[in-house]
Amino acid sequence: MSLTKAERDIMESMWGKISTQADSIGTETLERLFAGYPQTKTYFPHFDLHPGSAQLRAHGSKVVAAVGDAVKNIDNISLALSKLSELHAYILRVDPVNFKLLSHCLLVTMAARFPADFTAEAHAAWDKFLSVVSSVLTEKYR
């Protein structure tokens, strides 16, 4: 699935804003994930999962950085996220459905943070892009 020129333009425009708030957006996304889908906490038994904890902020930053890597390498997301896919499949053994749950939480966070920018077109573009990211992250499971 490829993104159109218009979708890519939307992604690049919004990414400029998202990247400046990566830590807080990542943290908020994980907080939404754990509140909405508490079963996802099982992958983080060693984390302090209280809102705003240092561990949540650090991991949230990594999550948004990975999304940023995918945005920057939009023509070869598979290569950009290959090591992350291997880590989650072979070492962490994360259930692949969690990537979709995380994507949903990121969409909600972006909509809350950037209501003027998160138009129907932006929502569709980001949803399409994050579906590709989720699919790429599950490649090593197949």
Protein backbone atom coordinates (compact mmCIF):
# COMPACT_ATOMS: atom_id res chain seq x y z
CA MET A 1 0.00 0.00 0.00
CA SER A 2 1.54 3.27 -1.02
CA LEU A 3 0.73 6.78 0.05
CA THR A 4 -0.33 9.40 -2.45
CA LYS A 5 1.57 12.67 -2.84
CA ALA A 6 -1.18 14.47 -0.91
CA GLU A 7 -1.00 11.92 1.92
CA ARG A 8 2.79 12.23 2.05
CA ASP A 9 2.51 16.02 2.24
CA ILE A 10 0.07 15.71 5.15
CA MET A 11 2.42 13.30 6.92
CA GLU A 12 5.47 15.53 6.48
CA SER A 13 3.59 18.62 7.61
CA MET A 14 2.23 17.00 10.73
CA TRP A 15 5.47 15.16 11.48
CA GLY A 16 7.20 18.53 11.79
CA LYS A 17 4.88 19.37 14.67
CA ILE A 18 4.82 15.90 16.22
CA SER A 19 8.60 15.56 16.32
CA THR A 20 8.97 18.69 18.46
CA GLN A 21 6.75 17.09 21.11
CA ALA A 22 7.90 13.49 20.72
CA ASP A 23 8.46 12.79 24.41
CA SER A 24 5.10 14.05 25.59
CA ILE A 25 3.18 12.58 22.65
CA GLY A 26 4.84 9.20 23.18
CA THR A 27 4.12 9.30 26.89
CA GLU A 28 0.49 10.26 26.36
CA THR A 29 0.09 7.53 23.74
CA LEU A 30 1.41 4.87 26.10
CA GLU A 31 -0.77 6.17 28.94
CA ARG A 32 -3.80 5.84 26.64
CA LEU A 33 -2.69 2.35 25.62
CA PHE A 34 -2.35 1.13 29.19
CA ALA A 35 -5.61 2.77 30.32
CA GLY A 36 -7.65 1.57 27.36
CA TYR A 37 -6.02 -1.82 26.93
CA PRO A 38 -4.69 -2.85 30.33
CA GLN A 39 -3.64 -6.27 29.03
CA THR A 40 -0.77 -4.51 27.25
CA LYS A 41 0.83 -3.78 30.62
CA THR A 42 1.96 -7.41 30.83
CA TYR A 43 4.87 -6.60 28.50
CA PHE A 44 6.20 -4.03 30.96
CA PRO A 45 6.40 -5.77 34.36
CA HIS A 46 9.64 -3.94 35.17
CA PHE A 47 8.28 -0.46 34.33
CA ASP A 48 6.83 2.16 36.61
CA LEU A 49 3.54 2.60 34.75
CA HIS A 50 2.32 5.59 36.70
CA PRO A 51 1.36 8.52 34.45
CA GLY A 52 4.38 10.59 33.50
CA SER A 53 6.97 8.21 34.96
CA ALA A 54 10.51 8.44 33.66
CA GLN A 55 10.24 4.95 32.15
CA LEU A 56 7.03 5.83 30.30
CA ARG A 57 8.59 9.02 28.99
CA ALA A 58 11.71 7.18 27.81
CA HIS A 59 9.77 4.41 26.09
CA GLY A 60 7.24 6.85 24.64
CA SER A 61 10.12 8.76 23.12
CA LYS A 62 11.43 5.54 21.55
CA VAL A 63 8.00 4.74 20.12
CA VAL A 64 7.66 8.13 18.48
CA ALA A 65 11.26 7.95 17.25
CA ALA A 66 10.44 4.65 15.52
CA VAL A 67 7.42 6.27 13.87
CA GLY A 68 9.75 9.07 12.82
CA ASP A 69 12.15 6.54 11.28
CA ALA A 70 9.25 5.15 9.30
CA VAL A 71 8.20 8.63 8.15
CA LYS A 72 11.76 9.47 7.11
CA ASN A 73 12.07 6.16 5.25
CA ILE A 74 8.57 6.11 3.87
CA ASP A 75 9.74 4.43 0.66
CA ASN A 76 11.31 1.53 2.56
CA ILE A 77 9.59 1.17 5.91
CA SER A 78 10.41 -2.55 6.02
CA LEU A 79 14.13 -1.87 6.03
CA ALA A 80 13.81 1.00 8.49
CA LEU A 81 11.90 -1.10 11.03
CA SER A 82 13.44 -4.52 10.39
CA LYS A 83 15.45 -4.67 13.61
CA LEU A 84 12.49 -3.43 15.63
CA SER A 85 10.33 -6.13 14.08
CA GLU A 86 12.89 -8.80 14.97
CA LEU A 87 13.16 -7.52 18.54
CA HIS A 88 9.40 -7.59 19.11
CA ALA A 89 8.87 -10.94 17.39
CA TYR A 90 11.82 -13.01 18.57
CA ILE A 91 12.96 -11.51 21.83
CA LEU A 92 10.03 -9.64 23.38
CA ARG A 93 7.38 -11.88 21.81
CA VAL A 94 4.79 -9.13 21.65
CA ASP A 95 1.37 -10.13 20.38
CA PRO A 96 1.09 -8.39 16.97
CA VAL A 97 -2.39 -7.06 17.72
CA ASN A 98 -0.73 -4.64 20.13
CA PHE A 99 0.77 -2.67 17.24
CA LYS A 100 -2.73 -1.87 16.02
CA LEU A 101 -3.82 -0.89 19.51
CA LEU A 102 -0.81 1.39 19.86
CA SER A 103 -1.52 2.91 16.44
CA HIS A 104 -5.07 3.70 17.52
CA CYS A 105 -3.82 5.38 20.69
CA LEU A 106 -1.33 7.43 18.69
CA LEU A 107 -4.11 8.57 16.34
CA VAL A 108 -6.24 9.64 19.29
CA THR A 109 -3.30 11.51 20.82
CA MET A 110 -2.57 13.31 17.56
CA ALA A 111 -6.24 14.25 17.18
CA ALA A 112 -6.30 15.64 20.71
CA ARG A 113 -3.02 17.51 20.33
CA PHE A 114 -3.54 18.90 16.82
CA PRO A 115 -7.29 19.28 16.28
CA ALA A 116 -6.93 21.91 13.54
CA ASP A 117 -4.43 19.78 11.61
CA PHE A 118 -6.10 16.43 12.19
CA THR A 119 -8.65 16.74 9.41
CA ALA A 120 -10.49 13.80 7.91
CA GLU A 121 -7.78 13.65 5.23
CA ALA A 122 -5.01 13.70 7.83
CA HIS A 123 -6.75 11.00 9.84
CA ALA A 124 -7.07 8.81 6.75
CA ALA A 125 -3.42 9.37 5.75
CA TRP A 126 -2.07 8.62 9.22
CA ASP A 127 -4.34 5.61 9.63
CA LYS A 128 -3.12 4.23 6.30
CA PHE A 129 0.50 4.90 7.20
CA LEU A 130 0.23 3.35 10.68
CA SER A 131 -1.45 0.29 9.17
CA VAL A 132 1.63 -0.14 7.01
CA VAL A 133 3.87 0.33 10.05
CA SER A 134 1.88 -2.28 12.02
CA SER A 135 2.08 -4.69 9.11
CA VAL A 136 5.84 -4.18 8.77
CA LEU A 137 6.33 -4.77 12.49
CA THR A 138 4.59 -8.13 12.16
CA GLU A 139 6.66 -9.29 9.16
CA LYS A 140 9.00 -11.38 11.32
CA TYR A 141 6.03 -13.23 12.84
CA ARG A 142 5.19 -14.83 9.50
